[in-house]
Amino acid sequence: MTGENDIVLIHYEDRPLVFARIENIAEDYKPGWNHVKLLLLQIPLQTVTWILRNSYIDGDPFTMDGKNVRLERIICPEEPEEQVPDTEAAIESNPAPGHKVISFSDFKKK
């Protein structure tokens, strides 16, 4: 379920429009509806409050002024672990022809 502090991508007319962070979700007086405060991640930053059903917060499409809108929760993808070679050792053992390897330790003040 999408909740506070989650990042969502707002789709407008089936096109991605802007990223937003859900700042607050407060119940409305009508059951099943919520006041959703969104921080639009654009320049300048702007906040908006929409009154949405629970299902709309979780990604079901809805309309605003006759235009199709949908929120898509964004989950940070996991990065595969890469084995990074020790570049300093690789450079020292295999310097480019005609180039001199300079150690940064030579520049330290003593």
Protein backbone atom coordinates (compact mmCIF):
# COMPACT_ATOMS: atom_id res chain seq x y z
CA MET A 1 0.00 0.00 0.00
CA THR A 2 1.20 3.49 -0.83
CA GLY A 3 1.71 5.66 2.27
CA GLU A 4 3.31 8.78 3.66
CA ASN A 5 6.85 9.57 2.46
CA ASP A 6 6.45 7.34 -0.61
CA ILE A 7 7.42 8.72 -4.01
CA VAL A 8 4.77 8.50 -6.72
CA LEU A 9 4.78 9.28 -10.42
CA ILE A 10 1.66 11.18 -11.45
CA HIS A 11 0.35 10.12 -14.84
CA TYR A 12 -1.89 12.66 -16.62
CA GLU A 13 -3.81 11.51 -19.70
CA ASP A 14 -1.75 8.28 -19.67
CA ARG A 15 1.57 10.16 -19.81
CA PRO A 16 4.05 10.51 -16.94
CA LEU A 17 3.89 14.12 -15.74
CA VAL A 18 5.70 14.72 -12.45
CA PHE A 19 7.14 12.94 -9.42
CA ALA A 20 5.69 13.74 -6.00
CA ARG A 21 6.22 12.70 -2.40
CA ILE A 22 3.19 11.93 -0.27
CA GLU A 23 3.56 14.25 2.71
CA ASN A 24 0.38 13.46 4.62
CA ILE A 25 -2.72 11.28 4.36
CA ALA A 26 -5.64 12.41 6.54
CA GLU A 27 -9.08 10.84 6.63
CA ASP A 28 -11.94 12.82 5.13
CA TYR A 29 -15.33 12.98 6.82
CA LYS A 30 -16.66 10.68 4.08
CA PRO A 31 -15.66 7.04 4.73
CA GLY A 32 -13.05 5.66 2.30
CA TRP A 33 -11.82 9.10 1.21
CA ASN A 34 -8.61 10.88 2.27
CA HIS A 35 -6.97 14.29 2.02
CA VAL A 36 -3.62 13.52 0.37
CA LYS A 37 -0.96 16.24 0.57
CA LEU A 38 1.60 15.87 -2.24
CA LEU A 39 4.94 17.66 -2.58
CA LEU A 40 5.49 18.04 -6.32
CA LEU A 41 9.17 17.42 -7.04
CA GLN A 42 9.70 20.15 -9.59
CA ILE A 43 11.11 23.65 -9.66
CA PRO A 44 9.68 25.54 -7.87
CA LEU A 45 8.52 23.06 -5.25
CA GLN A 46 4.78 23.11 -4.77
CA THR A 47 2.31 21.28 -2.57
CA VAL A 48 -1.20 20.23 -3.50
CA THR A 49 -3.91 18.46 -1.54
CA TRP A 50 -6.20 16.07 -3.36
CA ILE A 51 -9.21 14.25 -1.93
CA LEU A 52 -8.79 10.64 -3.07
CA ARG A 53 -10.22 7.21 -2.37
CA ASN A 54 -7.89 4.59 -0.88
CA SER A 55 -7.82 2.70 -4.19
CA TYR A 56 -6.73 5.85 -6.08
CA ILE A 57 -3.76 6.27 -3.75
CA ASP A 58 -2.79 2.67 -4.53
CA GLY A 59 -2.79 3.21 -8.30
CA ASP A 60 -6.33 2.86 -9.59
CA PRO A 61 -7.07 5.42 -12.33
CA PHE A 62 -9.45 8.32 -11.68
CA THR A 63 -10.48 11.53 -13.40
CA MET A 64 -9.99 15.20 -12.52
CA ASP A 65 -11.92 17.70 -14.64
CA GLY A 66 -12.58 14.89 -17.10
CA LYS A 67 -8.86 14.09 -17.49
CA ASN A 68 -7.42 10.65 -16.68
CA VAL A 69 -5.02 10.64 -13.72
CA ARG A 70 -3.17 7.81 -12.00
CA LEU A 71 -0.59 7.58 -9.20
CA GLU A 72 2.20 5.02 -9.57
CA ARG A 73 4.28 4.18 -6.50
CA ILE A 74 8.00 4.29 -7.27
CA ILE A 75 10.26 1.72 -5.64
CA CYS A 76 14.01 2.19 -5.79
CA PRO A 77 15.48 -0.63 -7.88
CA GLU A 78 18.14 -2.78 -6.31
CA GLU A 79 21.51 -2.41 -7.92
CA PRO A 80 23.44 -5.55 -8.74
CA GLU A 81 26.67 -5.80 -6.81
CA GLU A 82 29.58 -5.18 -9.09
CA GLN A 83 33.10 -6.17 -8.37
CA VAL A 84 35.11 -3.02 -8.73
CA PRO A 85 38.74 -3.65 -9.54
CA ASP A 86 41.36 -1.92 -7.45
CA THR A 87 42.06 0.87 -9.94
CA GLU A 88 45.12 2.18 -8.11
CA ALA A 89 46.83 -1.20 -8.20
CA ALA A 90 45.83 -1.70 -11.83
CA ILE A 91 47.26 1.69 -12.83
CA GLU A 92 50.55 1.16 -10.98
CA SER A 93 51.08 -2.29 -12.45
CA ASN A 94 50.03 -1.30 -15.97
CA PRO A 95 50.79 2.37 -16.60
CA ALA A 96 49.91 3.70 -20.03
CA PRO A 97 52.94 3.84 -22.36
CA GLY A 98 54.69 7.18 -22.22
CA HIS A 99 52.86 8.29 -19.06
CA LYS A 100 54.22 8.70 -15.58
CA VAL A 101 52.17 7.59 -12.58
CA ILE A 102 51.97 10.31 -9.93
CA SER A 103 50.98 9.33 -6.40
CA PHE A 104 48.77 11.73 -4.46
CA SER A 105 50.75 10.89 -1.33
CA ASP A 106 53.66 12.85 -2.86
CA PHE A 107 51.54 16.03 -2.54
CA LYS A 108 50.72 15.66 1.15
CA LYS A 109 52.26 18.26 3.42
CA LYS A 110 54.49 16.77 6.08
